[in-house]
Amino acid sequence: NKISRLLITASGGPFRGKKKHELTDVSVED
């Protein structure tokens, strides 16, 4: 059977929903 598409899921990680300016000073621990 022919596959037309693979859909790989991501959780979004710890910073899901944040914008670039909010990530400027995030810590390693975060």
Full PDB file with SEQRES, HELIX, SHEET, SSBOND, CRYST1, ORIGX, SCALE, CONECT and MASTER records, all heavy atoms in Angstrom:
SEQRES   1 A   30  ASN LYS ILE SER ARG LEU LEU ILE THR ALA SER GLY GLY          
SEQRES   2 A   30  PRO PHE ARG GLY LYS LYS LYS HIS GLU LEU THR ASP VAL          
SEQRES   3 A   30  SER VAL GLU ASP                                              
HELIX    1 AA1 LYS A   20  LEU A   23  5                                   4    
CRYST1    1.000    1.000    1.000  90.00  90.00  90.00 P 1           1          
ORIGX1      1.000000  0.000000  0.000000        0.00000                         
ORIGX2      0.000000  1.000000  0.000000        0.00000                         
ORIGX3      0.000000  0.000000  1.000000        0.00000                         
SCALE1      1.000000  0.000000  0.000000        0.00000                         
SCALE2      0.000000  1.000000  0.000000        0.00000                         
SCALE3      0.000000  0.000000  1.000000        0.00000                         
ATOM      1  N   ASN A   1       0.828  -1.205   0.000  1.00  0.00           N  
ATOM      2  CA  ASN A   1       0.000   0.000   0.000  1.00  0.00           C  
ATOM      3  C   ASN A   1       0.863   1.257   0.000  1.00  0.00           C  
ATOM      4  O   ASN A   1       1.821   1.360   0.767  1.00  0.00           O  
ATOM      5  CB  ASN A   1      -0.935   0.007   1.210  1.00  0.00           C  
ATOM      6  CG  ASN A   1      -1.971  -1.103   1.120  1.00  0.00           C  
ATOM      7  OD1 ASN A   1      -2.532  -1.347   0.052  1.00  0.00           O  
ATOM      8  ND2 ASN A   1      -2.231  -1.770   2.231  1.00  0.00           N  
ATOM      9  N   LYS A   2       0.522   2.184  -0.857  1.00  0.00           N  
ATOM     10  CA  LYS A   2       1.336   3.380  -1.066  1.00  0.00           C  
ATOM     11  C   LYS A   2       1.117   4.411   0.034  1.00  0.00           C  
ATOM     12  O   LYS A   2      -0.018   4.749   0.374  1.00  0.00           O  
ATOM     13  CB  LYS A   2       1.027   4.007  -2.424  1.00  0.00           C  
ATOM     14  CG  LYS A   2       1.932   5.179  -2.761  1.00  0.00           C  
ATOM     15  CD  LYS A   2       1.608   5.736  -4.143  1.00  0.00           C  
ATOM     16  CE  LYS A   2       2.473   6.941  -4.449  1.00  0.00           C  
ATOM     17  NZ  LYS A   2       2.123   7.536  -5.766  1.00  0.00           N  
ATOM     18  N   ILE A   3       2.222   4.894   0.585  1.00  0.00           N  
ATOM     19  CA  ILE A   3       2.181   5.963   1.590  1.00  0.00           C  
ATOM     20  C   ILE A   3       2.199   7.303   0.870  1.00  0.00           C  
ATOM     21  O   ILE A   3       3.019   7.540  -0.019  1.00  0.00           O  
ATOM     22  CB  ILE A   3       3.395   5.870   2.532  1.00  0.00           C  
ATOM     23  CG1 ILE A   3       3.362   4.562   3.332  1.00  0.00           C  
ATOM     24  CG2 ILE A   3       3.462   7.069   3.466  1.00  0.00           C  
ATOM     25  CD1 ILE A   3       4.638   4.264   4.081  1.00  0.00           C  
ATOM     26  N   SER A   4       1.283   8.191   1.246  1.00  0.00           N  
ATOM     27  CA  SER A   4       1.287   9.521   0.641  1.00  0.00           C  
ATOM     28  C   SER A   4       1.951  10.556   1.542  1.00  0.00           C  
ATOM     29  O   SER A   4       2.500  11.544   1.054  1.00  0.00           O  
ATOM     30  CB  SER A   4      -0.138   9.979   0.310  1.00  0.00           C  
ATOM     31  OG  SER A   4      -0.933  10.051   1.478  1.00  0.00           O  
ATOM     32  N   ARG A   5       1.958  10.306   2.873  1.00  0.00           N  
ATOM     33  CA  ARG A   5       2.528  11.323   3.769  1.00  0.00           C  
ATOM     34  C   ARG A   5       2.858  10.702   5.124  1.00  0.00           C  
ATOM     35  O   ARG A   5       2.129   9.834   5.611  1.00  0.00           O  
ATOM     36  CB  ARG A   5       1.526  12.465   3.953  1.00  0.00           C  
ATOM     37  CG  ARG A   5       2.043  13.666   4.709  1.00  0.00           C  
ATOM     38  CD  ARG A   5       1.114  14.863   4.554  1.00  0.00           C  
ATOM     39  NE  ARG A   5      -0.279  14.533   4.825  1.00  0.00           N  
ATOM     40  CZ  ARG A   5      -1.145  15.350   5.448  1.00  0.00           C  
ATOM     41  NH1 ARG A   5      -0.754  16.544   5.841  1.00  0.00           N  
ATOM     42  NH2 ARG A   5      -2.395  14.980   5.645  1.00  0.00           N  
ATOM     43  N   LEU A   6       3.966  11.142   5.700  1.00  0.00           N  
ATOM     44  CA  LEU A   6       4.282  10.821   7.084  1.00  0.00           C  
ATOM     45  C   LEU A   6       4.035  12.065   7.936  1.00  0.00           C  
ATOM     46  O   LEU A   6       4.397  13.173   7.542  1.00  0.00           O  
ATOM     47  CB  LEU A   6       5.753  10.407   7.231  1.00  0.00           C  
ATOM     48  CG  LEU A   6       6.245   9.214   6.422  1.00  0.00           C  
ATOM     49  CD1 LEU A   6       7.717   8.938   6.723  1.00  0.00           C  
ATOM     50  CD2 LEU A   6       5.407   7.971   6.690  1.00  0.00           C  
ATOM     51  N   LEU A   7       3.437  11.867   9.093  1.00  0.00           N  
ATOM     52  CA  LEU A   7       3.166  12.957  10.030  1.00  0.00           C  
ATOM     53  C   LEU A   7       3.923  12.669  11.320  1.00  0.00           C  
ATOM     54  O   LEU A   7       3.545  11.790  12.088  1.00  0.00           O  
ATOM     55  CB  LEU A   7       1.665  13.083  10.287  1.00  0.00           C  
ATOM     56  CG  LEU A   7       0.851  13.430   9.043  1.00  0.00           C  
ATOM     57  CD1 LEU A   7      -0.457  12.695   9.015  1.00  0.00           C  
ATOM     58  CD2 LEU A   7       0.627  14.927   8.938  1.00  0.00           C  
ATOM     59  N   ILE A   8       5.006  13.405  11.518  1.00  0.00           N  
ATOM     60  CA  ILE A   8       5.849  13.219  12.700  1.00  0.00           C  
ATOM     61  C   ILE A   8       5.401  14.209  13.766  1.00  0.00           C  
ATOM     62  O   ILE A   8       5.302  15.414  13.520  1.00  0.00           O  
ATOM     63  CB  ILE A   8       7.329  13.443  12.353  1.00  0.00           C  
ATOM     64  CG1 ILE A   8       7.802  12.371  11.369  1.00  0.00           C  
ATOM     65  CG2 ILE A   8       8.198  13.436  13.603  1.00  0.00           C  
ATOM     66  CD1 ILE A   8       9.233  12.534  10.909  1.00  0.00           C  
ATOM     67  N   THR A   9       5.136  13.707  14.948  1.00  0.00           N  
ATOM     68  CA  THR A   9       4.626  14.578  16.011  1.00  0.00           C  
ATOM     69  C   THR A   9       5.758  15.131  16.870  1.00  0.00           C  
ATOM     70  O   THR A   9       6.780  14.477  17.085  1.00  0.00           O  
ATOM     71  CB  THR A   9       3.627  13.838  16.912  1.00  0.00           C  
ATOM     72  OG1 THR A   9       4.242  12.652  17.422  1.00  0.00           O  
ATOM     73  CG2 THR A   9       2.373  13.473  16.139  1.00  0.00           C  
ATOM     74  N   ALA A  10       5.526  16.345  17.364  1.00  0.00           N  
ATOM     75  CA  ALA A  10       6.442  17.013  18.288  1.00  0.00           C  
ATOM     76  C   ALA A  10       5.644  17.488  19.491  1.00  0.00           C  
ATOM     77  O   ALA A  10       4.498  17.906  19.347  1.00  0.00           O  
ATOM     78  CB  ALA A  10       7.111  18.205  17.604  1.00  0.00           C  
ATOM     79  N   SER A  11       6.246  17.428  20.652  1.00  0.00           N  
ATOM     80  CA  SER A  11       5.561  17.938  21.848  1.00  0.00           C  
ATOM     81  C   SER A  11       5.550  19.461  21.865  1.00  0.00           C  
ATOM     82  O   SER A  11       4.691  20.078  22.487  1.00  0.00           O  
ATOM     83  CB  SER A  11       6.266  17.427  23.105  1.00  0.00           C  
ATOM     84  OG  SER A  11       7.542  18.040  23.230  1.00  0.00           O  
ATOM     85  N   GLY A  12       6.519  20.068  21.179  1.00  0.00           N  
ATOM     86  CA  GLY A  12       6.695  21.516  21.265  1.00  0.00           C  
ATOM     87  C   GLY A  12       7.744  21.907  22.278  1.00  0.00           C  
ATOM     88  O   GLY A  12       8.180  23.057  22.320  1.00  0.00           O  
ATOM     89  N   GLY A  13       8.156  20.940  23.113  1.00  0.00           N  
ATOM     90  CA  GLY A  13       9.224  21.209  24.075  1.00  0.00           C  
ATOM     91  C   GLY A  13       8.815  22.157  25.186  1.00  0.00           C  
ATOM     92  O   GLY A  13       7.652  22.545  25.303  1.00  0.00           O  
ATOM     93  N   PRO A  14       9.767  22.569  26.008  1.00  0.00           N  
ATOM     94  CA  PRO A  14       9.450  23.408  27.167  1.00  0.00           C  
ATOM     95  C   PRO A  14       9.067  24.839  26.814  1.00  0.00           C  
ATOM     96  O   PRO A  14       8.517  25.555  27.668  1.00  0.00           O  
ATOM     97  CB  PRO A  14      10.756  23.384  27.973  1.00  0.00           C  
ATOM     98  CG  PRO A  14      11.819  23.129  26.955  1.00  0.00           C  
ATOM     99  CD  PRO A  14      11.186  22.226  25.934  1.00  0.00           C  
ATOM    100  N   PHE A  15       9.347  25.286  25.588  1.00  0.00           N  
ATOM    101  CA  PHE A  15       9.105  26.687  25.233  1.00  0.00           C  
ATOM    102  C   PHE A  15       7.975  26.848  24.227  1.00  0.00           C  
ATOM    103  O   PHE A  15       7.868  27.888  23.572  1.00  0.00           O  
ATOM    104  CB  PHE A  15      10.392  27.310  24.674  1.00  0.00           C  
ATOM    105  CG  PHE A  15      11.560  27.254  25.620  1.00  0.00           C  
ATOM    106  CD1 PHE A  15      12.819  26.897  25.168  1.00  0.00           C  
ATOM    107  CD2 PHE A  15      11.404  27.523  26.974  1.00  0.00           C  
ATOM    108  CE1 PHE A  15      13.902  26.838  26.026  1.00  0.00           C  
ATOM    109  CE2 PHE A  15      12.467  27.461  27.852  1.00  0.00           C  
ATOM    110  CZ  PHE A  15      13.730  27.119  27.385  1.00  0.00           C  
ATOM    111  N   ARG A  16       7.133  25.853  24.091  1.00  0.00           N  
ATOM    112  CA  ARG A  16       6.015  25.938  23.145  1.00  0.00           C  
ATOM    113  C   ARG A  16       5.157  27.162  23.448  1.00  0.00           C  
ATOM    114  O   ARG A  16       4.799  27.419  24.603  1.00  0.00           O  
ATOM    115  CB  ARG A  16       5.154  24.677  23.223  1.00  0.00           C  
ATOM    116  CG  ARG A  16       4.015  24.645  22.188  1.00  0.00           C  
ATOM    117  CD  ARG A  16       3.273  23.322  22.240  1.00  0.00           C  
ATOM    118  NE  ARG A  16       2.508  23.179  23.469  1.00  0.00           N  
ATOM    119  CZ  ARG A  16       1.240  23.582  23.621  1.00  0.00           C  
ATOM    120  NH1 ARG A  16       0.612  24.187  22.615  1.00  0.00           N  
ATOM    121  NH2 ARG A  16       0.601  23.384  24.753  1.00  0.00           N  
ATOM    122  N   GLY A  17       4.863  27.915  22.399  1.00  0.00           N  
ATOM    123  CA  GLY A  17       4.027  29.108  22.551  1.00  0.00           C  
ATOM    124  C   GLY A  17       4.801  30.388  22.777  1.00  0.00           C  
ATOM    125  O   GLY A  17       4.253  31.488  22.667  1.00  0.00           O  
ATOM    126  N   LYS A  18       6.088  30.262  23.079  1.00  0.00           N  
ATOM    127  CA  LYS A  18       6.908  31.457  23.297  1.00  0.00           C  
ATOM    128  C   LYS A  18       7.420  32.007  21.965  1.00  0.00           C  
ATOM    129  O   LYS A  18       7.576  31.273  20.998  1.00  0.00           O  
ATOM    130  CB  LYS A  18       8.085  31.151  24.217  1.00  0.00           C  
ATOM    131  CG  LYS A  18       7.678  30.831  25.650  1.00  0.00           C  
ATOM    132  CD  LYS A  18       8.881  30.735  26.559  1.00  0.00           C  
ATOM    133  CE  LYS A  18       8.460  30.423  27.991  1.00  0.00           C  
ATOM    134  NZ  LYS A  18       7.674  31.519  28.582  1.00  0.00           N  
ATOM    135  N   LYS A  19       7.668  33.326  21.939  1.00  0.00           N  
ATOM    136  CA  LYS A  19       8.221  33.981  20.770  1.00  0.00           C  
ATOM    137  C   LYS A  19       9.710  34.239  20.994  1.00  0.00           C  
ATOM    138  O   LYS A  19      10.227  34.123  22.104  1.00  0.00           O  
ATOM    139  CB  LYS A  19       7.483  35.293  20.493  1.00  0.00           C  
ATOM    140  CG  LYS A  19       6.017  35.083  20.153  1.00  0.00           C  
ATOM    141  CD  LYS A  19       5.855  34.227  18.900  1.00  0.00           C  
ATOM    142  CE  LYS A  19       4.393  33.990  18.546  1.00  0.00           C  
ATOM    143  NZ  LYS A  19       4.234  33.109  17.363  1.00  0.00           N  
ATOM    144  N   LYS A  20      10.380  34.617  19.901  1.00  0.00           N  
ATOM    145  CA  LYS A  20      11.838  34.718  19.932  1.00  0.00           C  
ATOM    146  C   LYS A  20      12.332  35.652  21.028  1.00  0.00           C  
ATOM    147  O   LYS A  20      13.296  35.337  21.740  1.00  0.00           O  
ATOM    148  CB  LYS A  20      12.356  35.181  18.568  1.00  0.00           C  
ATOM    149  CG  LYS A  20      13.857  35.060  18.417  1.00  0.00           C  
ATOM    150  CD  LYS A  20      14.322  35.347  16.998  1.00  0.00           C  
ATOM    151  CE  LYS A  20      13.924  34.248  16.048  1.00  0.00           C  
ATOM    152  NZ  LYS A  20      14.508  34.430  14.700  1.00  0.00           N  
ATOM    153  N   HIS A  21      11.667  36.796  21.205  1.00  0.00           N  
ATOM    154  CA  HIS A  21      12.142  37.749  22.220  1.00  0.00           C  
ATOM    155  C   HIS A  21      12.036  37.195  23.640  1.00  0.00           C  
ATOM    156  O   HIS A  21      12.741  37.651  24.545  1.00  0.00           O  
ATOM    157  CB  HIS A  21      11.375  39.080  22.113  1.00  0.00           C  
ATOM    158  CG  HIS A  21       9.930  38.986  22.523  1.00  0.00           C  
ATOM    159  ND1 HIS A  21       8.924  38.603  21.649  1.00  0.00           N  
ATOM    160  CD2 HIS A  21       9.316  39.211  23.718  1.00  0.00           C  
ATOM    161  CE1 HIS A  21       7.766  38.604  22.282  1.00  0.00           C  
ATOM    162  NE2 HIS A  21       7.973  38.967  23.542  1.00  0.00           N  
ATOM    163  N   GLU A  22      11.169  36.210  23.832  1.00  0.00           N  
ATOM    164  CA  GLU A  22      11.022  35.600  25.159  1.00  0.00           C  
ATOM    165  C   GLU A  22      12.089  34.550  25.432  1.00  0.00           C  
ATOM    166  O   GLU A  22      12.211  34.070  26.567  1.00  0.00           O  
ATOM    167  CB  GLU A  22       9.636  34.963  25.293  1.00  0.00           C  
ATOM    168  CG  GLU A  22       8.476  35.917  25.163  1.00  0.00           C  
ATOM    169  CD  GLU A  22       7.139  35.204  25.207  1.00  0.00           C  
ATOM    170  OE1 GLU A  22       6.618  35.005  26.323  1.00  0.00           O  
ATOM    171  OE2 GLU A  22       6.625  34.822  24.131  1.00  0.00           O  
ATOM    172  N   LEU A  23      12.852  34.193  24.416  1.00  0.00           N  
ATOM    173  CA  LEU A  23      13.853  33.140  24.564  1.00  0.00           C  
ATOM    174  C   LEU A  23      15.271  33.686  24.699  1.00  0.00           C  
ATOM    175  O   LEU A  23      16.223  32.919  24.813  1.00  0.00           O  
ATOM    176  CB  LEU A  23      13.794  32.200  23.347  1.00  0.00           C  
ATOM    177  CG  LEU A  23      12.463  31.481  23.121  1.00  0.00           C  
ATOM    178  CD1 LEU A  23      12.506  30.673  21.830  1.00  0.00           C  
ATOM    179  CD2 LEU A  23      12.118  30.587  24.297  1.00  0.00           C  
ATOM    180  N   THR A  24      15.396  35.013  24.703  1.00  0.00           N  
ATOM    181  CA  THR A  24      16.717  35.645  24.696  1.00  0.00           C  
ATOM    182  C   THR A  24      17.593  35.193  25.861  1.00  0.00           C  
ATOM    183  O   THR A  24      18.780  34.897  25.689  1.00  0.00           O  
ATOM    184  CB  THR A  24      16.582  37.178  24.708  1.00  0.00           C  
ATOM    185  OG1 THR A  24      15.771  37.572  23.603  1.00  0.00           O  
ATOM    186  CG2 THR A  24      17.943  37.851  24.598  1.00  0.00           C  
ATOM    187  N   ASP A  25      16.999  35.122  27.038  1.00  0.00           N  
ATOM    188  CA  ASP A  25      17.802  34.846  28.236  1.00  0.00           C  
ATOM    189  C   ASP A  25      17.348  33.591  28.980  1.00  0.00           C  
ATOM    190  O   ASP A  25      17.553  33.480  30.193  1.00  0.00           O  
ATOM    191  CB  ASP A  25      17.752  36.052  29.184  1.00  0.00           C  
ATOM    192  CG  ASP A  25      18.420  37.280  28.594  1.00  0.00           C  
ATOM    193  OD1 ASP A  25      19.546  37.138  28.085  1.00  0.00           O  
ATOM    194  OD2 ASP A  25      17.814  38.362  28.626  1.00  0.00           O  
ATOM    195  N   VAL A  26      16.751  32.634  28.269  1.00  0.00           N  
ATOM    196  CA  VAL A  26      16.323  31.407  28.961  1.00  0.00           C  
ATOM    197  C   VAL A  26      17.551  30.647  29.462  1.00  0.00           C  
ATOM    198  O   VAL A  26      18.616  30.657  28.838  1.00  0.00           O  
ATOM    199  CB  VAL A  26      15.465  30.506  28.061  1.00  0.00           C  
ATOM    200  CG1 VAL A  26      14.164  31.188  27.698  1.00  0.00           C  
ATOM    201  CG2 VAL A  26      16.218  30.066  26.818  1.00  0.00           C  
ATOM    202  N   SER A  27      17.397  29.981  30.572  1.00  0.00           N  
ATOM    203  CA  SER A  27      18.518  29.281  31.198  1.00  0.00           C  
ATOM    204  C   SER A  27      18.607  27.849  30.712  1.00  0.00           C  
ATOM    205  O   SER A  27      17.654  27.296  30.142  1.00  0.00           O  
ATOM    206  CB  SER A  27      18.360  29.285  32.720  1.00  0.00           C  
ATOM    207  OG  SER A  27      17.242  28.480  33.097  1.00  0.00           O  
ATOM    208  N   VAL A  28      19.749  27.238  30.950  1.00  0.00           N  
ATOM    209  CA  VAL A  28      19.923  25.813  30.658  1.00  0.00           C  
ATOM    210  C   VAL A  28      18.896  24.998  31.438  1.00  0.00           C  
ATOM    211  O   VAL A  28      18.280  24.067  30.908  1.00  0.00           O  
ATOM    212  CB  VAL A  28      21.354  25.357  31.020  1.00  0.00           C  
ATOM    213  CG1 VAL A  28      21.473  23.838  30.957  1.00  0.00           C  
ATOM    214  CG2 VAL A  28      22.379  26.006  30.091  1.00  0.00           C  
ATOM    215  N   GLU A  29      18.702  25.366  32.691  1.00  0.00           N  
ATOM    216  CA  GLU A  29      17.765  24.625  33.542  1.00  0.00           C  
ATOM    217  C   GLU A  29      16.345  24.677  32.984  1.00  0.00           C  
ATOM    218  O   GLU A  29      15.616  23.672  33.004  1.00  0.00           O  
ATOM    219  CB  GLU A  29      17.792  25.194  34.958  1.00  0.00           C  
ATOM    220  CG  GLU A  29      19.094  24.937  35.716  1.00  0.00           C  
ATOM    221  CD  GLU A  29      20.276  25.798  35.236  1.00  0.00           C  
ATOM    222  OE1 GLU A  29      20.028  26.857  34.593  1.00  0.00           O  
ATOM    223  OE2 GLU A  29      21.429  25.404  35.488  1.00  0.00           O  
ATOM    224  N   ASP A  30      15.944  25.850  32.466  1.00  0.00           N  
ATOM    225  CA  ASP A  30      14.612  25.971  31.871  1.00  0.00           C  
ATOM    226  C   ASP A  30      14.494  25.116  30.614  1.00  0.00           C  
ATOM    227  O   ASP A  30      13.469  24.463  30.379  1.00  0.00           O  
ATOM    228  CB  ASP A  30      14.322  27.435  31.515  1.00  0.00           C  
ATOM    229  CG  ASP A  30      14.080  28.299  32.744  1.00  0.00           C  
ATOM    230  OD1 ASP A  30      13.691  27.744  33.790  1.00  0.00           O  
ATOM    231  OD2 ASP A  30      14.298  29.517  32.655  1.00  0.00           O  
TER     232      ASP A  30                                                      
MASTER        0    0    0    1    0    0    0    6  231    1    0    3          
END                                                                             
